[in-house]
Structure formats: C-alpha cells, structure tokens
Amino acid sequence: MWSTFIVTLKTNLRNKSALFWLIVFPIALSTMFNGVFGGLDKAMSITQVSVAVVQDTNWTNAVGADTLITALSGGGRSSDGKTDGNADAVIGDIDLGVRLLDVTKVDTASQARDLLADGTTNGIIAADGNGRIALTLSSDTVATANDGTQDVGLDVSLAALDNVIDQYNRTSATVKTALDDNPTAALTRTFWNGIGSAMNGTKEITLTNFKPDVMARYYYALMGMACLLAMSYMIHTVTTAQANLSALGIRRTVAPLGRARQLLAGFLAGWLCSCTCLLVALAYIRYVCGIEVGGREPLAVIAVLVASFMTCSFGTMIGAIPKLTDGVKQGLSTAIACGLSLFSGLYGGFAMELSDLISRKAPVLAIINPTQQVTDLFYSLMYFDSIQPFIRTCAILFAMSAVFLTAGVIMLRRQRYEHL
C-alpha cells in the first residue's frame, strides 16, 4: 500500500496539466484580479487636498471657520496643549481618521490666486461678508478629479470637503436666523444641544470581525473553482484501476494488493497533492495579493483540507463511472467546475448577483453546489465573528463527501469483467 501511495504521488506530481490548473491558473487569474481591482480601495479613500486659506477680515468674522479648517487639516491638540499638525482630523468627538486638508495660510485673495495659478494648491477657501465660506478649485484639479486615474481618491476627498463646508454654512445660517428671531435662545443649553445633534454626520462602523477587501469574493470564488479542478487527480487514479479502460488497470486488477487498499492509497496521494496545490494558491492570494481572512489563517488551512477531501470524493465518484474513458471524465469534471463556478459568482458582477439571488431565494440550490460551499468556507471566516458558520459549512462538505464516496464505492463494487 505504501508503494502504491508513493507511485501515485509521483504520477500526480508529473501530471503537468493538473499542476497548471491547480497552481499556475489560480496564480495567473489572481494576478489579473489584483491588477484590475487592486486600486478600488484607494479609489474610495480620502486623500489630502491642498488649499490656500484666505485669513482676511471676513475670515476673522466667520465664527468657527478657523476651528473647522484646523480640525480638517489635523491640527488637533496634543496632551501638552500644543498644536499637532500631524494628528488626524477631529471634529468635536468625531475622529475622522484622516487629514482632509493640507492648508497654506495667506493674508489676501490675490496671494491665494497666485498659489492656485502656479499649481501650488488645488483650491482656495475664503469667507464672504455674511460669514459663509466657499471652496474654489482650479480647472486642472476639476479635470483630474473627473478623470479619476491621475490622483486616485481626489474626487472622494472633494466630495467630502464640499459636504463639510455645506454643512458648516447651513448650520451657521440656522444659528444666525434663530438668534435674530430669539436672542435669548443662546442662553439655553437646549438650543446648543439641538444645534450639535443636527451637525452629527455619518459614522463608519464595521459589523464584521475585520474590514474585508471589497474584491475578496472573486478571489475565493476562484478558490472554489480551483478546488473542483483538483478532481482530476482522483479521476485518473480510479480510472487506471479499472481493467476495461487500460492495460494498467488490468495489471492492477490482478495485483496481490486489494482494490480497496489501492484506492485508499490513491485517495490519500490525491488528497495530499490537491491540498498542497490549493495551499500554494491560498498563500499567493493571502500574502502576495494581500487578501486577508481576518487573522484566521489556521482556519483557512483547515478549509483547504476539508475542501480537498470533498473534491477527492467527488473525483472518486466521477472516476468510478463505468465505460467512460479518462479523457471524457476529465472533460466532464472541467465542465462541472466551470459550470458551477457561474453560480458561485466567479464570472463578474452578474454572476455575483446571481449567486446572491440563489442564496436568498433558493438556498437549497446553494447548499448542494460544491463550489459555493467552498467559497462560503472563506466567506464565513471573513464576515462572521463566530466560527459556527464555518463549522456548519465544513459539515455540509463532509456530508457531500460521504454521498460522493458512497456512490463511487457502489459503482466500483458492481463492476465485473468477463475476461481480462
């Protein structure tokens, strides 16, 4: 049995086609995903906008304007009471986590226009006689933001800045109108509490144990497809044990070692090879492409072990189909892997929407889809604090494995040959 295991292992390692589909193909496709989608997170991030702030008489009369700009530029107070220009932006009790502005202070509007003209700043922030502040952008900055390729995230930063300035102007106008109508309102705490609650914006929170990459689904849908392609190892192993399909099958049938031990050795060799190949692909996705699993790398390794066991069981069932040649069975396995990957979301946005629709409207179809369940193994590590969904998905894959192995064993036990 040990000799059969070693020989089968060597045969699998010499199978260039299987090594290509299980190692080269996932790495190549992951590299393509990383090249195409790698900048999406940065495109939705906030980068600093360089502005010239005109600190003239109007600016001095604009109540709270200087405090707002100081906060947006990260000029908070350190523990010793000094201004910290490297701090993150903080407005009230809200930590923005980034510095939105890179401020250059000038005394006159003409100085600000000179800085804008020579490209030193992206825009000008100034106040008018009514205490309203306004942002003026250069034409080059507007063109760059609309293009979205030269300065990734600039359009998001400008939109955030415009929203903050608009909120300041609306709140300032509201306070002035209220005080003109009722000057004594400024003496009550209720009035200022109401103004403060109206200024509260949207705060980003996370409902998962960490913030997953927005494109992680594509990478792990790819893992699901690569996992099913690993069926080729067991298909070849089982087919070469059938006497009616090859001369090797005839010799193995009359060998002293029983068929059960031969298949067990082949199963273990196929499981080891598929695990190794998928772990290489997972390591590339995790450490080269930077797709994290929330610090649960050991559980991700267990996911690969469980998924590989399932795919070897699936390959055993397909390999046990009588009268079909090895080439036909290999083609059938490839068609199954490619077809089921459509419903796990590998082929773009439409496939992702279809996968989500099936999970919501027909969850049974999602449960019986091996590719979807392999993908769900990694989803459960990314999106859930508890490991219960991961354990449940592992149980589903083990149940699939039991069904596949049972069907394969039944077909192999019923195969008899009139002559060899």
Protein backbone atom coordinates (compact mmCIF):
# COMPACT_ATOMS: atom_id res chain seq x y z
CA MET A 1 0.00 0.00 0.00
CA TRP A 2 2.87 2.37 0.80
CA SER A 3 4.48 1.65 -2.57
CA THR A 4 1.17 2.38 -4.30
CA PHE A 5 0.91 5.66 -2.40
CA ILE A 6 4.43 6.72 -3.45
CA VAL A 7 3.93 5.72 -7.09
CA THR A 8 0.58 7.51 -7.27
CA LEU A 9 2.10 10.59 -5.64
CA LYS A 10 4.91 10.68 -8.21
CA THR A 11 2.41 10.22 -11.01
CA ASN A 12 0.34 13.15 -9.74
CA LEU A 13 3.40 15.37 -9.47
CA ARG A 14 4.30 14.56 -13.09
CA ASN A 15 0.81 15.50 -14.26
CA LYS A 16 1.65 18.86 -15.82
CA SER A 17 -1.93 19.58 -16.82
CA ALA A 18 -3.22 19.21 -13.25
CA LEU A 19 -0.36 21.29 -11.85
CA PHE A 20 -1.15 24.04 -14.35
CA TRP A 21 -4.85 24.22 -13.46
CA LEU A 22 -4.29 23.96 -9.72
CA ILE A 23 -1.27 26.28 -9.29
CA VAL A 24 -0.50 28.33 -12.39
CA PHE A 25 -4.10 29.09 -13.32
CA PRO A 26 -5.20 30.41 -9.86
CA ILE A 27 -1.99 32.44 -9.52
CA ALA A 28 -2.36 33.92 -13.00
CA LEU A 29 -6.03 34.78 -12.51
CA SER A 30 -5.36 36.19 -9.03
CA THR A 31 -2.64 38.38 -10.51
CA MET A 32 -5.09 39.62 -13.11
CA PHE A 33 -7.69 40.34 -10.41
CA ASN A 34 -5.07 42.22 -8.41
CA GLY A 35 -4.07 44.28 -11.43
CA VAL A 36 -7.64 45.12 -12.42
CA PHE A 37 -9.23 45.55 -8.99
CA GLY A 38 -6.21 46.44 -6.86
CA GLY A 39 -6.92 50.19 -6.88
CA LEU A 40 -10.60 50.06 -5.94
CA ASP A 41 -9.96 50.54 -2.22
CA LYS A 42 -7.73 53.52 -2.93
CA ALA A 43 -10.36 54.94 -5.28
CA MET A 44 -12.78 55.09 -2.34
CA SER A 45 -10.24 56.52 0.11
CA ILE A 46 -9.73 60.13 1.16
CA THR A 47 -6.53 61.93 0.19
CA GLN A 48 -5.36 65.36 1.26
CA VAL A 49 -6.47 68.39 -0.74
CA SER A 50 -4.02 71.28 -0.85
CA VAL A 51 -5.83 74.59 -0.27
CA ALA A 52 -4.95 78.21 0.39
CA VAL A 53 -6.98 79.73 3.24
CA VAL A 54 -7.54 83.49 2.96
CA GLN A 55 -7.37 84.80 6.53
CA ASP A 56 -8.71 88.31 5.96
CA THR A 57 -11.30 90.32 7.90
CA ASN A 58 -14.20 88.24 6.58
CA TRP A 59 -12.45 85.09 7.74
CA THR A 60 -11.95 86.52 11.23
CA ASN A 61 -15.66 87.38 11.44
CA ALA A 62 -16.73 83.88 10.32
CA VAL A 63 -17.38 82.24 13.70
CA GLY A 64 -15.89 78.75 13.93
CA ALA A 65 -14.40 78.75 10.41
CA ASP A 66 -10.82 78.68 11.63
CA THR A 67 -11.63 75.88 14.08
CA LEU A 68 -13.23 73.84 11.28
CA ILE A 69 -10.26 74.20 8.91
CA THR A 70 -7.81 73.44 11.71
CA ALA A 71 -9.69 70.24 12.51
CA LEU A 72 -9.86 69.14 8.86
CA SER A 73 -6.12 69.70 8.47
CA GLY A 74 -5.34 67.56 11.52
CA GLY A 75 -4.29 70.48 13.70
CA GLY A 76 -5.59 68.96 16.93
CA ARG A 77 -4.30 69.50 20.44
CA SER A 78 -1.73 67.15 21.91
CA SER A 79 -1.53 66.23 25.56
CA ASP A 80 0.77 69.18 26.31
CA GLY A 81 -1.67 71.65 24.76
CA LYS A 82 0.39 72.37 21.63
CA THR A 83 -0.95 72.14 18.13
CA ASP A 84 -0.13 68.83 16.47
CA GLY A 85 -0.01 69.25 12.70
CA ASN A 86 0.42 65.50 12.17
CA ALA A 87 -2.70 64.48 14.05
CA ASP A 88 -5.77 63.00 12.39
CA ALA A 89 -8.69 65.31 11.78
CA VAL A 90 -11.09 65.57 14.72
CA ILE A 91 -14.37 67.48 14.74
CA GLY A 92 -15.97 67.56 18.14
CA ASP A 93 -15.91 63.98 19.40
CA ILE A 94 -15.73 62.51 15.90
CA ASP A 95 -12.33 61.23 14.80
CA LEU A 96 -12.21 61.42 11.00
CA GLY A 97 -9.13 59.19 10.96
CA VAL A 98 -7.55 61.15 8.07
CA ARG A 99 -6.25 64.61 7.26
CA LEU A 100 -8.56 66.02 4.63
CA LEU A 101 -6.72 69.32 4.03
CA ASP A 102 -3.16 70.50 3.52
CA VAL A 103 -3.52 74.17 4.43
CA THR A 104 -1.43 77.13 3.31
CA LYS A 105 -2.48 80.32 5.11
CA VAL A 106 -2.38 83.63 3.20
CA ASP A 107 -3.47 87.16 4.03
CA THR A 108 -5.11 88.22 0.78
CA ALA A 109 -7.15 86.70 -2.01
CA SER A 110 -4.54 87.75 -4.60
CA GLN A 111 -1.89 85.66 -2.85
CA ALA A 112 -4.25 82.69 -2.85
CA ARG A 113 -4.92 83.11 -6.57
CA ASP A 114 -1.18 83.18 -7.28
CA LEU A 115 -0.73 79.88 -5.43
CA LEU A 116 -3.66 78.41 -7.35
CA ALA A 117 -2.31 79.62 -10.69
CA ASP A 118 1.16 78.11 -10.26
CA GLY A 119 -0.25 74.76 -9.09
CA THR A 120 0.96 75.01 -5.50
CA THR A 121 -2.57 74.45 -4.21
CA ASN A 122 -5.65 72.70 -5.57
CA GLY A 123 -8.10 75.31 -4.35
CA ILE A 124 -8.92 78.38 -2.30
CA ILE A 125 -11.07 78.57 0.84
CA ALA A 126 -12.33 82.04 1.74
CA ALA A 127 -15.21 83.65 3.64
CA ASP A 128 -17.64 86.29 2.42
CA GLY A 129 -19.20 89.19 4.31
CA ASN A 130 -22.08 87.01 5.59
CA GLY A 131 -19.75 84.52 7.28
CA ARG A 132 -20.20 81.83 4.62
CA ILE A 133 -17.10 80.00 3.45
CA ALA A 134 -16.60 78.82 -0.11
CA LEU A 135 -14.22 76.47 -1.91
CA THR A 136 -12.81 77.47 -5.30
CA LEU A 137 -10.98 74.81 -7.34
CA SER A 138 -8.60 75.15 -10.23
CA SER A 139 -9.66 73.82 -13.63
CA ASP A 140 -6.81 71.30 -13.57
CA THR A 141 -7.99 69.92 -10.22
CA VAL A 142 -11.55 69.53 -11.51
CA ALA A 143 -10.29 67.74 -14.62
CA THR A 144 -8.11 65.42 -12.54
CA ALA A 145 -10.99 64.59 -10.19
CA ASN A 146 -13.33 63.85 -13.10
CA ASP A 147 -10.71 61.65 -14.76
CA GLY A 148 -10.14 59.57 -11.63
CA THR A 149 -6.90 57.96 -12.88
CA GLN A 150 -4.19 60.55 -12.18
CA ASP A 151 -4.95 61.16 -8.50
CA VAL A 152 -6.88 58.21 -7.09
CA GLY A 153 -9.38 59.27 -4.42
CA LEU A 154 -9.29 63.01 -5.18
CA ASP A 155 -12.94 63.03 -6.28
CA VAL A 156 -13.96 61.38 -3.00
CA SER A 157 -11.96 63.93 -1.00
CA LEU A 158 -13.52 66.87 -2.85
CA ALA A 159 -17.00 65.47 -2.34
CA ALA A 160 -16.35 65.04 1.39
CA LEU A 161 -14.91 68.56 1.66
CA ASP A 162 -17.85 70.06 -0.20
CA ASN A 163 -20.25 68.28 2.14
CA VAL A 164 -18.43 69.53 5.26
CA ILE A 165 -18.37 73.14 4.02
CA ASP A 166 -22.02 72.98 3.02
CA GLN A 167 -22.95 71.64 6.46
CA TYR A 168 -20.99 74.43 8.13
CA ASN A 169 -22.75 77.11 6.04
CA ARG A 170 -26.21 75.67 6.66
CA THR A 171 -25.60 75.34 10.40
CA SER A 172 -24.17 78.87 10.61
CA ALA A 173 -27.16 80.29 8.74
CA THR A 174 -29.55 78.39 11.01
CA VAL A 175 -27.88 79.70 14.16
CA LYS A 176 -27.94 83.29 12.92
CA THR A 177 -31.59 83.10 11.91
CA ALA A 178 -32.59 81.57 15.24
CA LEU A 179 -30.69 84.17 17.24
CA ASP A 180 -32.16 87.01 15.20
CA ASP A 181 -35.66 85.71 15.99
CA ASN A 182 -34.92 84.86 19.62
CA PRO A 183 -31.70 86.39 21.01
CA THR A 184 -32.21 84.77 24.43
CA ALA A 185 -32.03 81.27 22.90
CA ALA A 186 -28.23 81.43 23.10
CA LEU A 187 -28.51 81.35 26.89
CA THR A 188 -30.14 77.90 26.96
CA ARG A 189 -28.27 74.60 26.81
CA THR A 190 -31.15 73.00 24.88
CA PHE A 191 -30.55 75.31 21.91
CA TRP A 192 -26.87 74.43 21.57
CA ASN A 193 -27.53 70.72 22.15
CA GLY A 194 -30.03 70.83 19.30
CA ILE A 195 -27.52 72.51 17.01
CA GLY A 196 -24.87 69.93 17.94
CA SER A 197 -27.16 66.98 17.24
CA ALA A 198 -28.05 68.43 13.85
CA MET A 199 -24.36 68.54 12.92
CA ASN A 200 -23.73 64.85 13.58
CA GLY A 201 -22.77 63.15 10.34
CA THR A 202 -22.46 59.58 9.20
CA LYS A 203 -20.04 57.43 11.17
CA GLU A 204 -18.46 54.37 9.61
CA ILE A 205 -18.72 51.18 11.64
CA THR A 206 -18.00 47.55 10.88
CA LEU A 207 -20.31 44.63 11.52
CA THR A 208 -17.65 42.00 10.85
CA ASN A 209 -14.60 40.88 12.79
CA PHE A 210 -12.45 42.94 10.39
CA LYS A 211 -12.83 45.03 7.25
CA PRO A 212 -12.57 42.62 4.30
CA ASP A 213 -11.32 43.60 0.87
CA VAL A 214 -14.18 44.59 -1.44
CA MET A 215 -12.93 42.19 -4.14
CA ALA A 216 -12.24 39.22 -1.84
CA ARG A 217 -15.30 37.40 -3.18
CA TYR A 218 -13.74 36.98 -6.60
CA TYR A 219 -10.55 35.50 -5.18
CA TYR A 220 -12.35 32.93 -3.08
CA ALA A 221 -14.79 32.08 -5.86
CA LEU A 222 -11.62 31.31 -7.82
CA MET A 223 -10.52 29.03 -4.97
CA GLY A 224 -13.83 27.20 -5.29
CA MET A 225 -13.26 26.58 -9.00
CA ALA A 226 -9.63 25.51 -8.48
CA CYS A 227 -10.78 23.12 -5.79
CA LEU A 228 -13.16 21.31 -8.15
CA LEU A 229 -10.49 21.14 -10.84
CA ALA A 230 -8.49 19.03 -8.36
CA MET A 231 -10.91 16.18 -9.12
CA SER A 232 -8.54 15.26 -11.96
CA TYR A 233 -6.17 13.50 -9.55
CA MET A 234 -8.75 11.04 -8.28
CA ILE A 235 -10.37 10.59 -11.68
CA HIS A 236 -7.04 9.44 -13.10
CA THR A 237 -6.36 7.24 -10.07
CA VAL A 238 -9.73 5.47 -10.20
CA THR A 239 -9.75 5.15 -13.99
CA THR A 240 -6.34 3.48 -14.06
CA ALA A 241 -7.69 0.90 -11.59
CA GLN A 242 -10.48 -0.19 -13.99
CA ALA A 243 -9.45 -3.20 -16.08
CA ASN A 244 -11.71 -2.40 -19.03
CA LEU A 245 -10.16 1.05 -19.61
CA SER A 246 -6.40 0.49 -19.71
CA ALA A 247 -3.65 -2.10 -19.64
CA LEU A 248 -2.52 -0.64 -16.32
CA GLY A 249 -5.99 -1.32 -14.96
CA ILE A 250 -5.66 -4.97 -15.96
CA ARG A 251 -2.35 -5.33 -14.12
CA ARG A 252 -3.68 -3.55 -11.04
CA THR A 253 -6.78 -5.76 -11.02
CA VAL A 254 -4.74 -8.97 -10.82
CA ALA A 255 -2.18 -7.49 -8.39
CA PRO A 256 -1.89 -9.05 -4.91
CA LEU A 257 -2.87 -5.76 -3.27
CA GLY A 258 -6.63 -5.50 -2.98
CA ARG A 259 -8.61 -2.87 -4.84
CA ALA A 260 -9.74 -1.16 -1.64
CA ARG A 261 -6.15 -0.61 -0.48
CA GLN A 262 -5.12 0.58 -3.93
CA LEU A 263 -7.91 3.15 -3.98
CA LEU A 264 -7.21 4.22 -0.40
CA ALA A 265 -3.54 4.82 -1.22
CA GLY A 266 -4.55 6.70 -4.36
CA PHE A 267 -7.09 8.75 -2.41
CA LEU A 268 -4.51 9.80 0.17
CA ALA A 269 -2.00 10.71 -2.54
CA GLY A 270 -4.61 12.75 -4.43
CA TRP A 271 -5.71 14.47 -1.23
CA LEU A 272 -2.11 15.40 -0.39
CA CYS A 273 -1.44 16.77 -3.87
CA SER A 274 -4.67 18.78 -4.07
CA CYS A 275 -4.09 20.22 -0.57
CA THR A 276 -0.57 21.26 -1.46
CA CYS A 277 -1.59 22.92 -4.71
CA LEU A 278 -4.51 24.77 -3.15
CA LEU A 279 -2.38 25.90 -0.20
CA VAL A 280 0.12 27.39 -2.66
CA ALA A 281 -2.74 29.27 -4.37
CA LEU A 282 -4.13 30.40 -1.00
CA ALA A 283 -0.72 31.63 0.15
CA TYR A 284 -0.35 33.64 -3.05
CA ILE A 285 -3.80 35.19 -2.63
CA ARG A 286 -3.17 35.98 1.03
CA TYR A 287 0.40 37.24 1.06
CA VAL A 288 1.04 38.45 -2.49
CA CYS A 289 -2.38 39.81 -3.42
CA GLY A 290 -2.99 40.92 0.18
CA ILE A 291 -6.48 39.39 0.55
CA GLU A 292 -6.85 38.85 4.29
CA VAL A 293 -9.01 36.37 6.19
CA GLY A 294 -9.28 38.34 9.41
CA GLY A 295 -6.27 36.79 11.12
CA ARG A 296 -7.75 33.30 10.76
CA GLU A 297 -5.05 31.77 8.57
CA PRO A 298 -5.01 28.44 10.52
CA LEU A 299 -8.74 28.05 9.90
CA ALA A 300 -8.15 28.87 6.23
CA VAL A 301 -5.69 25.97 6.07
CA ILE A 302 -8.35 23.71 7.62
CA ALA A 303 -10.78 24.99 5.00
CA VAL A 304 -8.40 23.85 2.26
CA LEU A 305 -8.09 20.41 3.88
CA VAL A 306 -11.87 19.99 4.07
CA ALA A 307 -12.44 21.30 0.54
CA SER A 308 -9.73 19.00 -0.86
CA PHE A 309 -11.30 15.99 0.86
CA MET A 310 -14.61 16.84 -0.75
CA THR A 311 -13.16 17.28 -4.23
CA CYS A 312 -11.26 13.97 -3.98
CA SER A 313 -14.52 12.29 -3.02
CA PHE A 314 -16.26 13.95 -5.97
CA GLY A 315 -13.43 12.81 -8.25
CA THR A 316 -13.78 9.26 -6.95
CA MET A 317 -17.45 9.21 -7.92
CA ILE A 318 -16.83 10.57 -11.41
CA GLY A 319 -13.85 8.27 -11.92
CA ALA A 320 -15.99 5.27 -10.96
CA ILE A 321 -18.46 5.87 -13.82
CA PRO A 322 -18.12 2.73 -15.97
CA LYS A 323 -17.20 2.62 -19.68
CA LEU A 324 -16.16 6.29 -19.92
CA THR A 325 -12.52 6.91 -20.81
CA ASP A 326 -10.19 9.04 -18.71
CA GLY A 327 -10.33 11.89 -21.23
CA VAL A 328 -14.11 12.01 -21.18
CA LYS A 329 -14.20 12.01 -17.39
CA GLN A 330 -11.59 14.77 -17.22
CA GLY A 331 -13.61 16.87 -19.65
CA LEU A 332 -16.75 16.22 -17.61
CA SER A 333 -15.03 17.36 -14.41
CA THR A 334 -13.80 20.55 -16.07
CA ALA A 335 -17.29 21.30 -17.38
CA ILE A 336 -18.76 20.75 -13.91
CA ALA A 337 -16.17 23.04 -12.29
CA CYS A 338 -16.68 25.82 -14.84
CA GLY A 339 -20.47 25.49 -14.80
CA LEU A 340 -20.87 25.50 -11.01
CA SER A 341 -18.47 28.45 -10.72
CA LEU A 342 -21.03 30.59 -12.53
CA PHE A 343 -23.40 30.16 -9.59
CA SER A 344 -20.69 30.95 -7.04
CA GLY A 345 -20.00 34.37 -8.57
CA LEU A 346 -16.67 33.93 -10.35
CA TYR A 347 -17.60 35.49 -13.69
CA GLY A 348 -18.15 39.11 -12.73
CA GLY A 349 -20.90 41.28 -11.25
CA PHE A 350 -23.76 39.44 -12.95
CA ALA A 351 -22.54 36.12 -11.56
CA MET A 352 -22.23 37.63 -8.08
CA GLU A 353 -25.78 38.94 -8.24
CA LEU A 354 -26.98 35.54 -9.46
CA SER A 355 -25.14 33.82 -6.60
CA ASP A 356 -26.71 36.18 -4.04
CA LEU A 357 -30.15 35.69 -5.61
CA ILE A 358 -29.87 31.91 -5.39
CA SER A 359 -28.70 32.11 -1.77
CA ARG A 360 -31.72 34.25 -0.88
CA LYS A 361 -34.48 32.68 -3.00
CA ALA A 362 -33.32 29.07 -3.34
CA PRO A 363 -30.85 28.33 -0.52
CA VAL A 364 -31.11 24.57 -1.14
CA LEU A 365 -29.50 25.04 -4.56
CA ALA A 366 -26.67 26.97 -2.94
CA ILE A 367 -26.21 24.24 -0.32
CA ILE A 368 -25.85 21.45 -2.91
CA ASN A 369 -23.38 23.47 -5.01
CA PRO A 370 -19.87 22.30 -4.00
CA THR A 371 -18.20 25.39 -5.47
CA GLN A 372 -20.48 27.71 -3.49
CA GLN A 373 -19.81 25.81 -0.29
CA VAL A 374 -16.03 26.00 -0.77
CA THR A 375 -16.39 29.73 -1.36
CA ASP A 376 -18.60 30.00 1.74
CA LEU A 377 -15.82 28.46 3.83
CA PHE A 378 -13.74 31.59 3.29
CA TYR A 379 -16.75 33.92 3.47
CA SER A 380 -17.55 32.57 6.92
CA LEU A 381 -14.03 33.41 8.08
CA MET A 382 -14.24 36.97 6.74
CA TYR A 383 -17.77 38.05 7.56
CA PHE A 384 -18.64 36.35 10.87
CA ASP A 385 -17.26 36.80 14.37
CA SER A 386 -18.42 33.32 15.35
CA ILE A 387 -16.90 30.18 13.83
CA GLN A 388 -20.30 28.45 13.84
CA PRO A 389 -20.96 29.27 10.13
CA PHE A 390 -17.53 27.86 9.29
CA ILE A 391 -18.24 24.66 11.20
CA ARG A 392 -21.64 24.37 9.54
CA THR A 393 -20.13 24.72 6.07
CA CYS A 394 -17.49 22.11 6.92
CA ALA A 395 -20.27 19.74 7.99
CA ILE A 396 -22.06 20.30 4.65
CA LEU A 397 -18.87 19.50 2.73
CA PHE A 398 -18.29 16.36 4.79
CA ALA A 399 -21.87 15.27 4.08
CA MET A 400 -21.25 15.84 0.35
CA SER A 401 -18.06 13.80 0.64
CA ALA A 402 -19.94 10.92 2.25
CA VAL A 403 -22.52 10.94 -0.56
CA PHE A 404 -19.85 11.05 -3.29
CA LEU A 405 -17.75 8.30 -1.71
CA THR A 406 -20.78 6.08 -1.18
CA ALA A 407 -21.86 6.48 -4.80
CA GLY A 408 -18.32 5.83 -6.04
CA VAL A 409 -17.88 2.71 -3.91
CA ILE A 410 -21.22 1.31 -5.05
CA MET A 411 -20.31 1.77 -8.72
CA LEU A 412 -16.86 0.22 -8.24
CA ARG A 413 -18.19 -2.81 -6.33
CA ARG A 414 -20.67 -3.59 -9.10
CA GLN A 415 -18.06 -3.61 -11.86
CA ARG A 416 -17.26 -7.13 -13.04
CA TYR A 417 -15.26 -8.27 -16.07
CA GLU A 418 -15.93 -11.38 -18.21
CA HIS A 419 -12.24 -11.59 -19.14
CA LEU A 420 -9.02 -9.59 -18.79
